Amino acid sequence: MDWVTGIQKAIDYMEENLLHDLDVNEIAKKSCVSNFYFQRIFNVLCGYSIAEYIRNRRLTLAALDLQTKNFQVIDIAFKYGYETPESFSRAFMRFHGVTPSDAKKSGAALKSCSRLIIKVVLEGGSIMDYKIVDKPDFKIIYKGERVRVVDDANTKEVPKFWDRCLCDKTVAKLLDFSRKASHDDDLYNTTFGMADPDTFEDSSYIYKIGSLYIDGDVPEGFLTQDIPAHTWIKFTSVSLNDNYLDVFKKIFSEFFPTSGYTPLGQFEVFPESDRSHKDYLCEIWIPAKKKE
């Protein structure tokens, strides 16, 4: 089963159980990717979190019930999992812009969140530069910070972490370590951001800013980690001026569904240069395995 089919199965499971308690771990089991990647892919492709989708779908159906059935507000609140009519009314008002009582009136203006259907669509003929390489194991040195798996792009947790590491000379120290490598190493004179799925828990993970580690004393506050041999898919010529979410959306919606590979992690590799220059380019590296 490819991961697009798996995600659709997970969505179908959510739809079939909207009137019951839904756990993200159980939802992710219906897909063919890890909980970490299921939440990241869902957010990138859909533009909102799993919890938001479930809430919006329930409030959409609740509005239909209020308009078409002779139910009391308290009945609808309990039906869709709210503990009190007051909490339901607040959520309903935030989503629809009207109270549940007003929604029962003829002509009420309401919002609708339609059921998701994941499709692989040909649109735009996007051209993506990439290469698939087998890279032996290597070692990294890094600093890490826990961020939320679906909210980091919206709350700017990752960019703020990068800003701190640039200001406190963490990035400069990392570059010194990377320059100990051979000049023909593809991580020479680079730093990277790493989304580590092995640290995933409670819808968050450790984001690591690091570099290649060859040798030398490890400064206080830094850690090292062995990265095993992998097949890596390297998407090259990624401009920092591009919207990163758009780049990842293309990778997950256009490349991986037809590639024969399943993603396992994520590196964003930044060569040392003037990042503010309009022609500055970085790379996105994704360790992957062939689908069975």
C-alpha atoms as a PDB file:
ATOM      1  CA  MET A   1       0.000   0.000   0.000  1.00  0.00           C
ATOM      2  CA  ASP A   2       1.465   3.395  -1.013  1.00  0.00           C
ATOM      3  CA  TRP A   3       1.355   6.218   1.506  1.00  0.00           C
ATOM      4  CA  VAL A   4      -1.237   8.258  -0.401  1.00  0.00           C
ATOM      5  CA  THR A   5      -3.637   5.314  -0.144  1.00  0.00           C
ATOM      6  CA  GLY A   6      -2.671   4.960   3.505  1.00  0.00           C
ATOM      7  CA  ILE A   7      -3.444   8.582   4.283  1.00  0.00           C
ATOM      8  CA  GLN A   8      -6.816   8.258   2.538  1.00  0.00           C
ATOM      9  CA  LYS A   9      -7.572   5.197   4.689  1.00  0.00           C
ATOM     10  CA  ALA A  10      -6.727   7.246   7.766  1.00  0.00           C
ATOM     11  CA  ILE A  11      -9.048  10.032   6.608  1.00  0.00           C
ATOM     12  CA  ASP A  12     -11.815   7.490   5.961  1.00  0.00           C
ATOM     13  CA  TYR A  13     -11.309   6.146   9.481  1.00  0.00           C
ATOM     14  CA  MET A  14     -11.703   9.670  10.905  1.00  0.00           C
ATOM     15  CA  GLU A  15     -14.891  10.220   8.920  1.00  0.00           C
ATOM     16  CA  GLU A  16     -16.373   6.916  10.048  1.00  0.00           C
ATOM     17  CA  ASN A  17     -15.682   7.756  13.694  1.00  0.00           C
ATOM     18  CA  LEU A  18     -16.468  11.470  13.966  1.00  0.00           C
ATOM     19  CA  LEU A  19     -19.038  10.713  16.667  1.00  0.00           C
ATOM     20  CA  HIS A  20     -16.502   8.787  18.751  1.00  0.00           C
ATOM     21  CA  ASP A  21     -13.285   9.641  20.556  1.00  0.00           C
ATOM     22  CA  LEU A  22     -10.437   9.788  18.046  1.00  0.00           C
ATOM     23  CA  ASP A  23      -6.795   9.276  18.957  1.00  0.00           C
ATOM     24  CA  VAL A  24      -4.047  10.435  16.595  1.00  0.00           C
ATOM     25  CA  ASN A  25      -2.026   7.278  17.258  1.00  0.00           C
ATOM     26  CA  GLU A  26      -4.931   5.091  16.186  1.00  0.00           C
ATOM     27  CA  ILE A  27      -5.582   7.277  13.135  1.00  0.00           C
ATOM     28  CA  ALA A  28      -1.930   7.083  12.061  1.00  0.00           C
ATOM     29  CA  LYS A  29      -1.994   3.267  12.273  1.00  0.00           C
ATOM     30  CA  LYS A  30      -4.429   3.287   9.344  1.00  0.00           C
ATOM     31  CA  SER A  31      -1.797   4.934   7.149  1.00  0.00           C
ATOM     32  CA  CYS A  32       1.419   3.325   5.982  1.00  0.00           C
ATOM     33  CA  VAL A  33       3.725   5.959   7.498  1.00  0.00           C
ATOM     34  CA  SER A  34       4.806   6.713  11.050  1.00  0.00           C
ATOM     35  CA  ASN A  35       2.755   8.893  13.374  1.00  0.00           C
ATOM     36  CA  PHE A  36       5.400  11.608  12.966  1.00  0.00           C
ATOM     37  CA  TYR A  37       5.272  11.593   9.183  1.00  0.00           C
ATOM     38  CA  PHE A  38       1.504  11.157   9.048  1.00  0.00           C
ATOM     39  CA  GLN A  39       1.013  14.377  11.011  1.00  0.00           C
ATOM     40  CA  ARG A  40       3.648  16.294   9.008  1.00  0.00           C
ATOM     41  CA  ILE A  41       2.383  15.116   5.617  1.00  0.00           C
ATOM     42  CA  PHE A  42      -1.244  15.773   6.575  1.00  0.00           C
ATOM     43  CA  ASN A  43      -0.413  19.309   7.655  1.00  0.00           C
ATOM     44  CA  VAL A  44       1.687  20.065   4.563  1.00  0.00           C
ATOM     45  CA  LEU A  45      -0.883  18.697   2.107  1.00  0.00           C
ATOM     46  CA  CYS A  46      -3.987  20.047   3.821  1.00  0.00           C
ATOM     47  CA  GLY A  47      -2.775  23.243   5.452  1.00  0.00           C
ATOM     48  CA  TYR A  48      -4.131  22.429   8.918  1.00  0.00           C
ATOM     49  CA  SER A  49      -3.687  19.867  11.663  1.00  0.00           C
ATOM     50  CA  ILE A  50      -5.576  16.616  12.177  1.00  0.00           C
ATOM     51  CA  ALA A  51      -7.274  18.061  15.267  1.00  0.00           C
ATOM     52  CA  GLU A  52      -8.434  21.095  13.262  1.00  0.00           C
ATOM     53  CA  TYR A  53      -9.837  18.870  10.517  1.00  0.00           C
ATOM     54  CA  ILE A  54     -11.772  16.731  12.997  1.00  0.00           C
ATOM     55  CA  ARG A  55     -13.114  19.805  14.817  1.00  0.00           C
ATOM     56  CA  ASN A  56     -14.138  21.547  11.581  1.00  0.00           C
ATOM     57  CA  ARG A  57     -15.859  18.451  10.212  1.00  0.00           C
ATOM     58  CA  ARG A  58     -17.804  17.946  13.447  1.00  0.00           C
ATOM     59  CA  LEU A  59     -18.896  21.584  13.524  1.00  0.00           C
ATOM     60  CA  THR A  60     -19.928  21.362   9.867  1.00  0.00           C
ATOM     61  CA  LEU A  61     -22.124  18.339  10.567  1.00  0.00           C
ATOM     62  CA  ALA A  62     -23.439  19.930  13.756  1.00  0.00           C
ATOM     63  CA  ALA A  63     -24.682  22.932  11.761  1.00  0.00           C
ATOM     64  CA  LEU A  64     -26.479  20.634   9.314  1.00  0.00           C
ATOM     65  CA  ASP A  65     -28.158  18.843  12.227  1.00  0.00           C
ATOM     66  CA  LEU A  66     -29.280  22.141  13.724  1.00  0.00           C
ATOM     67  CA  GLN A  67     -30.806  23.268  10.428  1.00  0.00           C
ATOM     68  CA  THR A  68     -32.425  20.006   9.323  1.00  0.00           C
ATOM     69  CA  LYS A  69     -33.346  18.181  12.525  1.00  0.00           C
ATOM     70  CA  ASN A  70     -35.408  19.105  15.538  1.00  0.00           C
ATOM     71  CA  PHE A  71     -32.545  18.716  18.011  1.00  0.00           C
ATOM     72  CA  GLN A  72     -31.789  20.865  21.013  1.00  0.00           C
ATOM     73  CA  VAL A  73     -28.381  22.547  21.208  1.00  0.00           C
ATOM     74  CA  ILE A  74     -27.456  20.434  24.239  1.00  0.00           C
ATOM     75  CA  ASP A  75     -28.169  17.249  22.287  1.00  0.00           C
ATOM     76  CA  ILE A  76     -25.965  18.362  19.394  1.00  0.00           C
ATOM     77  CA  ALA A  77     -23.188  19.355  21.797  1.00  0.00           C
ATOM     78  CA  PHE A  78     -23.056  15.911  23.382  1.00  0.00           C
ATOM     79  CA  LYS A  79     -23.433  14.165  20.029  1.00  0.00           C
ATOM     80  CA  TYR A  80     -20.255  15.789  18.708  1.00  0.00           C
ATOM     81  CA  GLY A  81     -18.149  15.222  21.791  1.00  0.00           C
ATOM     82  CA  TYR A  82     -18.447  18.482  23.732  1.00  0.00           C
ATOM     83  CA  GLU A  83     -18.709  18.200  27.502  1.00  0.00           C
ATOM     84  CA  THR A  84     -20.991  21.228  27.913  1.00  0.00           C
ATOM     85  CA  PRO A  85     -23.316  23.273  25.703  1.00  0.00           C
ATOM     86  CA  GLU A  86     -21.188  26.318  26.556  1.00  0.00           C
ATOM     87  CA  SER A  87     -17.952  24.831  25.165  1.00  0.00           C
ATOM     88  CA  PHE A  88     -19.834  23.709  22.061  1.00  0.00           C
ATOM     89  CA  SER A  89     -21.339  27.177  21.566  1.00  0.00           C
ATOM     90  CA  ARG A  90     -17.921  28.845  21.843  1.00  0.00           C
ATOM     91  CA  ALA A  91     -16.381  26.484  19.274  1.00  0.00           C
ATOM     92  CA  PHE A  92     -19.401  26.830  17.004  1.00  0.00           C
ATOM     93  CA  MET A  93     -19.246  30.630  17.159  1.00  0.00           C
ATOM     94  CA  ARG A  94     -15.514  30.671  16.348  1.00  0.00           C
ATOM     95  CA  PHE A  95     -16.008  28.466  13.300  1.00  0.00           C
ATOM     96  CA  HIS A  96     -19.345  29.664  11.896  1.00  0.00           C
ATOM     97  CA  GLY A  97     -19.487  33.222  13.182  1.00  0.00           C
ATOM     98  CA  VAL A  98     -23.009  32.708  14.569  1.00  0.00           C
ATOM     99  CA  THR A  99     -24.413  31.008  17.660  1.00  0.00           C
ATOM    100  CA  PRO A 100     -25.981  27.532  17.484  1.00  0.00           C
ATOM    101  CA  SER A 101     -29.368  29.081  18.201  1.00  0.00           C
ATOM    102  CA  ASP A 102     -28.983  31.513  15.293  1.00  0.00           C
ATOM    103  CA  ALA A 103     -27.893  28.634  13.061  1.00  0.00           C
ATOM    104  CA  LYS A 104     -31.322  27.065  13.477  1.00  0.00           C
ATOM    105  CA  LYS A 105     -32.934  30.095  11.838  1.00  0.00           C
ATOM    106  CA  SER A 106     -33.732  30.178   8.136  1.00  0.00           C
ATOM    107  CA  GLY A 107     -31.124  32.007   6.050  1.00  0.00           C
ATOM    108  CA  ALA A 108     -28.296  31.710   8.590  1.00  0.00           C
ATOM    109  CA  ALA A 109     -24.860  32.112   6.961  1.00  0.00           C
ATOM    110  CA  LEU A 110     -22.730  29.108   7.872  1.00  0.00           C
ATOM    111  CA  LYS A 111     -19.358  27.651   6.942  1.00  0.00           C
ATOM    112  CA  SER A 112     -18.657  24.156   5.649  1.00  0.00           C
ATOM    113  CA  CYS A 113     -15.531  22.000   5.810  1.00  0.00           C
ATOM    114  CA  SER A 114     -15.933  19.282   3.188  1.00  0.00           C
ATOM    115  CA  ARG A 115     -14.671  15.734   3.515  1.00  0.00           C
ATOM    116  CA  LEU A 116     -11.064  15.328   2.376  1.00  0.00           C
ATOM    117  CA  ILE A 117     -10.144  13.135  -0.568  1.00  0.00           C
ATOM    118  CA  ILE A 118      -6.422  12.761  -1.250  1.00  0.00           C
ATOM    119  CA  LYS A 119      -5.577  12.661  -4.947  1.00  0.00           C
ATOM    120  CA  VAL A 120      -2.409  12.736  -6.987  1.00  0.00           C
ATOM    121  CA  VAL A 121      -3.105  15.537  -9.455  1.00  0.00           C
ATOM    122  CA  LEU A 122      -1.101  16.692 -12.454  1.00  0.00           C
ATOM    123  CA  GLU A 123      -0.983  20.450 -12.228  1.00  0.00           C
ATOM    124  CA  GLY A 124       1.617  22.900 -13.427  1.00  0.00           C
ATOM    125  CA  GLY A 125       4.175  20.346 -14.571  1.00  0.00           C
ATOM    126  CA  SER A 126       6.557  21.312 -11.763  1.00  0.00           C
ATOM    127  CA  ILE A 127      10.193  20.530 -12.513  1.00  0.00           C
ATOM    128  CA  MET A 128      12.159  19.390  -9.465  1.00  0.00           C
ATOM    129  CA  ASP A 129      15.915  18.861  -9.519  1.00  0.00           C
ATOM    130  CA  TYR A 130      16.877  15.848  -7.440  1.00  0.00           C
ATOM    131  CA  LYS A 131      19.325  12.990  -7.207  1.00  0.00           C
ATOM    132  CA  ILE A 132      19.192   9.665  -5.396  1.00  0.00           C
ATOM    133  CA  VAL A 133      22.428   8.672  -3.685  1.00  0.00           C
ATOM    134  CA  ASP A 134      23.548   5.953  -1.288  1.00  0.00           C
ATOM    135  CA  LYS A 135      25.527   7.639   1.483  1.00  0.00           C
ATOM    136  CA  PRO A 136      27.532   5.694   4.092  1.00  0.00           C
ATOM    137  CA  ASP A 137      27.081   6.364   7.795  1.00  0.00           C
ATOM    138  CA  PHE A 138      28.418   9.629   9.193  1.00  0.00           C
ATOM    139  CA  LYS A 139      28.452  11.552  12.446  1.00  0.00           C
ATOM    140  CA  ILE A 140      26.907  14.913  13.256  1.00  0.00           C
ATOM    141  CA  ILE A 141      27.263  17.506  15.988  1.00  0.00           C
ATOM    142  CA  TYR A 142      24.239  19.593  16.878  1.00  0.00           C
ATOM    143  CA  LYS A 143      22.069  21.606  19.221  1.00  0.00           C
ATOM    144  CA  GLY A 144      18.414  20.609  19.499  1.00  0.00           C
ATOM    145  CA  GLU A 145      15.103  22.115  20.543  1.00  0.00           C
ATOM    146  CA  ARG A 146      11.674  20.523  20.842  1.00  0.00           C
ATOM    147  CA  VAL A 147       9.058  21.969  18.464  1.00  0.00           C
ATOM    148  CA  ARG A 148       5.503  21.046  17.562  1.00  0.00           C
ATOM    149  CA  VAL A 149       5.167  18.749  14.603  1.00  0.00           C
ATOM    150  CA  VAL A 150       2.367  20.614  12.822  1.00  0.00           C
ATOM    151  CA  ASP A 151       2.694  24.128  14.172  1.00  0.00           C
ATOM    152  CA  ASP A 152       6.374  24.992  13.825  1.00  0.00           C
ATOM    153  CA  ALA A 153       5.898  26.772  10.472  1.00  0.00           C
ATOM    154  CA  ASN A 154       2.980  28.800  11.817  1.00  0.00           C
ATOM    155  CA  THR A 155       4.438  29.752  15.201  1.00  0.00           C
ATOM    156  CA  LYS A 156       7.947  30.366  13.824  1.00  0.00           C
ATOM    157  CA  GLU A 157       9.549  28.053  16.415  1.00  0.00           C
ATOM    158  CA  VAL A 158      12.141  26.724  13.961  1.00  0.00           C
ATOM    159  CA  PRO A 159      13.089  30.134  12.426  1.00  0.00           C
ATOM    160  CA  LYS A 160      13.445  31.596  15.934  1.00  0.00           C
ATOM    161  CA  PHE A 161      15.746  28.707  16.883  1.00  0.00           C
ATOM    162  CA  TRP A 162      17.873  29.409  13.796  1.00  0.00           C
ATOM    163  CA  ASP A 163      18.018  33.126  14.670  1.00  0.00           C
ATOM    164  CA  ARG A 164      19.296  32.330  18.172  1.00  0.00           C
ATOM    165  CA  CYS A 165      21.901  29.915  16.834  1.00  0.00           C
ATOM    166  CA  LEU A 166      23.119  32.508  14.335  1.00  0.00           C
ATOM    167  CA  CYS A 167      23.322  35.226  16.993  1.00  0.00           C
ATOM    168  CA  ASP A 168      25.092  33.155  19.668  1.00  0.00           C
ATOM    169  CA  LYS A 169      27.697  31.850  17.176  1.00  0.00           C
ATOM    170  CA  THR A 170      26.388  28.259  17.299  1.00  0.00           C
ATOM    171  CA  VAL A 171      26.253  28.185  13.498  1.00  0.00           C
ATOM    172  CA  ALA A 172      29.804  29.563  13.263  1.00  0.00           C
ATOM    173  CA  LYS A 173      31.077  26.813  15.574  1.00  0.00           C
ATOM    174  CA  LEU A 174      29.248  24.164  13.559  1.00  0.00           C
ATOM    175  CA  LEU A 175      30.792  25.449  10.340  1.00  0.00           C
ATOM    176  CA  ASP A 176      34.254  25.075  11.894  1.00  0.00           C
ATOM    177  CA  PHE A 177      33.507  21.399  12.517  1.00  0.00           C
ATOM    178  CA  SER A 178      32.201  20.885   8.975  1.00  0.00           C
ATOM    179  CA  ARG A 179      35.390  22.348   7.488  1.00  0.00           C
ATOM    180  CA  LYS A 180      37.398  19.474   8.952  1.00  0.00           C
ATOM    181  CA  ALA A 181      35.856  17.223   6.317  1.00  0.00           C
ATOM    182  CA  SER A 182      37.262  16.590   2.876  1.00  0.00           C
ATOM    183  CA  HIS A 183      36.432  19.347   0.383  1.00  0.00           C
ATOM    184  CA  ASP A 184      34.628  16.832  -1.830  1.00  0.00           C
ATOM    185  CA  ASP A 185      32.284  15.745   0.983  1.00  0.00           C
ATOM    186  CA  ASP A 186      28.781  17.007   0.208  1.00  0.00           C
ATOM    187  CA  LEU A 187      28.448  18.303   3.788  1.00  0.00           C
ATOM    188  CA  TYR A 188      31.714  20.247   3.744  1.00  0.00           C
ATOM    189  CA  ASN A 189      31.243  23.879   4.864  1.00  0.00           C
ATOM    190  CA  THR A 190      27.516  23.430   5.458  1.00  0.00           C
ATOM    191  CA  THR A 191      25.060  23.468   8.333  1.00  0.00           C
ATOM    192  CA  PHE A 192      21.697  21.761   8.344  1.00  0.00           C
ATOM    193  CA  GLY A 193      18.364  21.578  10.083  1.00  0.00           C
ATOM    194  CA  MET A 194      17.172  18.080  10.920  1.00  0.00           C
ATOM    195  CA  ALA A 195      13.642  17.012  11.807  1.00  0.00           C
ATOM    196  CA  ASP A 196      14.309  13.883  13.874  1.00  0.00           C
ATOM    197  CA  PRO A 197      11.359  11.451  13.776  1.00  0.00           C
ATOM    198  CA  ASP A 198      12.996   9.227  16.409  1.00  0.00           C
ATOM    199  CA  THR A 199      12.372  11.953  19.019  1.00  0.00           C
ATOM    200  CA  PHE A 200       8.653  12.217  18.230  1.00  0.00           C
ATOM    201  CA  GLU A 201       6.270  12.233  21.200  1.00  0.00           C
ATOM    202  CA  ASP A 202       3.097  14.101  22.127  1.00  0.00           C
ATOM    203  CA  SER A 203       2.899  15.719  18.660  1.00  0.00           C
ATOM    204  CA  SER A 204       6.346  17.285  18.982  1.00  0.00           C
ATOM    205  CA  TYR A 205       9.896  16.376  18.001  1.00  0.00           C
ATOM    206  CA  ILE A 206      13.483  17.566  18.417  1.00  0.00           C
ATOM    207  CA  TYR A 207      14.610  19.880  15.638  1.00  0.00           C
ATOM    208  CA  LYS A 208      18.410  19.793  15.378  1.00  0.00           C
ATOM    209  CA  ILE A 209      20.726  22.425  13.956  1.00  0.00           C
ATOM    210  CA  GLY A 210      24.013  20.754  13.204  1.00  0.00           C
ATOM    211  CA  SER A 211      26.902  19.946  10.911  1.00  0.00           C
ATOM    212  CA  LEU A 212      29.152  17.084   9.950  1.00  0.00           C
ATOM    213  CA  TYR A 213      31.410  15.958  12.816  1.00  0.00           C
ATOM    214  CA  ILE A 214      34.846  14.514  12.106  1.00  0.00           C
ATOM    215  CA  ASP A 215      36.748  15.053  15.342  1.00  0.00           C
ATOM    216  CA  GLY A 216      37.505  17.554  18.096  1.00  0.00           C
ATOM    217  CA  ASP A 217      36.244  18.387  21.574  1.00  0.00           C
ATOM    218  CA  VAL A 218      32.478  18.685  21.787  1.00  0.00           C
ATOM    219  CA  PRO A 219      31.592  22.109  23.271  1.00  0.00           C
ATOM    220  CA  GLU A 220      29.226  22.397  26.196  1.00  0.00           C
ATOM    221  CA  GLY A 221      25.615  22.353  25.055  1.00  0.00           C
ATOM    222  CA  PHE A 222      26.353  20.368  21.896  1.00  0.00           C
ATOM    223  CA  LEU A 223      25.667  16.682  21.254  1.00  0.00           C
ATOM    224  CA  THR A 224      26.823  14.175  18.651  1.00  0.00           C
ATOM    225  CA  GLN A 225      24.848  11.506  16.834  1.00  0.00           C
ATOM    226  CA  ASP A 226      25.592   8.707  14.395  1.00  0.00           C
ATOM    227  CA  ILE A 227      23.548   8.806  11.187  1.00  0.00           C
ATOM    228  CA  PRO A 228      23.312   5.321   9.638  1.00  0.00           C
ATOM    229  CA  ALA A 229      23.868   4.562   5.993  1.00  0.00           C
ATOM    230  CA  HIS A 230      20.804   5.456   3.913  1.00  0.00           C
ATOM    231  CA  THR A 231      19.532   6.022   0.461  1.00  0.00           C
ATOM    232  CA  TRP A 232      19.071   9.800   0.291  1.00  0.00           C
ATOM    233  CA  ILE A 233      16.893  11.747  -2.095  1.00  0.00           C
ATOM    234  CA  LYS A 234      18.440  15.175  -2.478  1.00  0.00           C
ATOM    235  CA  PHE A 235      16.260  17.944  -3.854  1.00  0.00           C
ATOM    236  CA  THR A 236      18.661  20.561  -5.111  1.00  0.00           C
ATOM    237  CA  SER A 237      18.379  24.235  -6.020  1.00  0.00           C
ATOM    238  CA  VAL A 238      15.836  25.142  -3.357  1.00  0.00           C
ATOM    239  CA  SER A 239      15.596  28.912  -2.985  1.00  0.00           C
ATOM    240  CA  LEU A 240      15.104  30.429   0.453  1.00  0.00           C
ATOM    241  CA  ASN A 241      12.843  32.928  -1.287  1.00  0.00           C
ATOM    242  CA  ASP A 242      10.406  30.120  -2.059  1.00  0.00           C
ATOM    243  CA  ASN A 243       7.664  29.345   0.404  1.00  0.00           C
ATOM    244  CA  TYR A 244       9.053  26.320   2.240  1.00  0.00           C
ATOM    245  CA  LEU A 245       5.608  24.828   2.734  1.00  0.00           C
ATOM    246  CA  ASP A 246       5.056  25.001  -1.029  1.00  0.00           C
ATOM    247  CA  VAL A 247       8.358  23.205  -1.613  1.00  0.00           C
ATOM    248  CA  PHE A 248       7.474  20.423   0.812  1.00  0.00           C
ATOM    249  CA  LYS A 249       3.964  20.195  -0.617  1.00  0.00           C
ATOM    250  CA  LYS A 250       5.441  19.530  -4.064  1.00  0.00           C
ATOM    251  CA  ILE A 251       7.799  16.915  -2.642  1.00  0.00           C
ATOM    252  CA  PHE A 252       5.052  15.031  -0.810  1.00  0.00           C
ATOM    253  CA  SER A 253       2.228  15.496  -3.309  1.00  0.00           C
ATOM    254  CA  GLU A 254       4.120  15.195  -6.592  1.00  0.00           C
ATOM    255  CA  PHE A 255       7.359  13.282  -6.044  1.00  0.00           C
ATOM    256  CA  PHE A 256       6.843  10.656  -3.355  1.00  0.00           C
ATOM    257  CA  PRO A 257       3.447   9.274  -4.477  1.00  0.00           C
ATOM    258  CA  THR A 258       4.998   8.012  -7.719  1.00  0.00           C
ATOM    259  CA  SER A 259       8.647   7.585  -6.689  1.00  0.00           C
ATOM    260  CA  GLY A 260       8.622   4.079  -5.243  1.00  0.00           C
ATOM    261  CA  TYR A 261      10.138   5.442  -2.010  1.00  0.00           C
ATOM    262  CA  THR A 262       8.852   6.134   1.509  1.00  0.00           C
ATOM    263  CA  PRO A 263      10.331   9.133   3.425  1.00  0.00           C
ATOM    264  CA  LEU A 264      12.094   8.475   6.734  1.00  0.00           C
ATOM    265  CA  GLY A 265      13.306  11.893   7.896  1.00  0.00           C
ATOM    266  CA  GLN A 266      14.384  15.300   6.706  1.00  0.00           C
ATOM    267  CA  PHE A 267      17.529  17.421   6.403  1.00  0.00           C
ATOM    268  CA  GLU A 268      17.637  21.023   5.178  1.00  0.00           C
ATOM    269  CA  VAL A 269      21.232  21.624   4.061  1.00  0.00           C
ATOM    270  CA  PHE A 270      22.622  25.178   3.932  1.00  0.00           C
ATOM    271  CA  PRO A 271      25.975  25.836   2.222  1.00  0.00           C
ATOM    272  CA  GLU A 272      27.979  28.629   3.822  1.00  0.00           C
ATOM    273  CA  SER A 273      27.338  31.727   1.749  1.00  0.00           C
ATOM    274  CA  ASP A 274      25.314  34.935   1.844  1.00  0.00           C
ATOM    275  CA  ARG A 275      21.841  33.635   2.677  1.00  0.00           C
ATOM    276  CA  SER A 276      20.301  37.019   1.960  1.00  0.00           C
ATOM    277  CA  HIS A 277      21.456  36.946  -1.671  1.00  0.00           C
ATOM    278  CA  LYS A 278      18.654  36.420  -4.165  1.00  0.00           C
ATOM    279  CA  ASP A 279      20.523  33.535  -5.847  1.00  0.00           C
ATOM    280  CA  TYR A 280      21.319  31.642  -2.631  1.00  0.00           C
ATOM    281  CA  LEU A 281      20.286  27.983  -2.888  1.00  0.00           C
ATOM    282  CA  CYS A 282      19.969  25.237  -0.293  1.00  0.00           C
ATOM    283  CA  GLU A 283      18.976  21.582  -0.507  1.00  0.00           C
ATOM    284  CA  ILE A 284      16.424  19.300   1.092  1.00  0.00           C
ATOM    285  CA  TRP A 285      17.707  15.803   1.810  1.00  0.00           C
ATOM    286  CA  ILE A 286      15.248  13.058   2.689  1.00  0.00           C
ATOM    287  CA  PRO A 287      16.416   9.597   3.770  1.00  0.00           C
ATOM    288  CA  ALA A 288      14.089   7.056   2.199  1.00  0.00           C
ATOM    289  CA  LYS A 289      13.494   3.386   1.680  1.00  0.00           C
ATOM    290  CA  LYS A 290      12.062   1.547  -1.298  1.00  0.00           C
ATOM    291  CA  LYS A 291       8.450   0.497  -0.919  1.00  0.00           C
ATOM    292  CA  GLU A 292       7.996  -3.202  -0.418  1.00  0.00           C
END
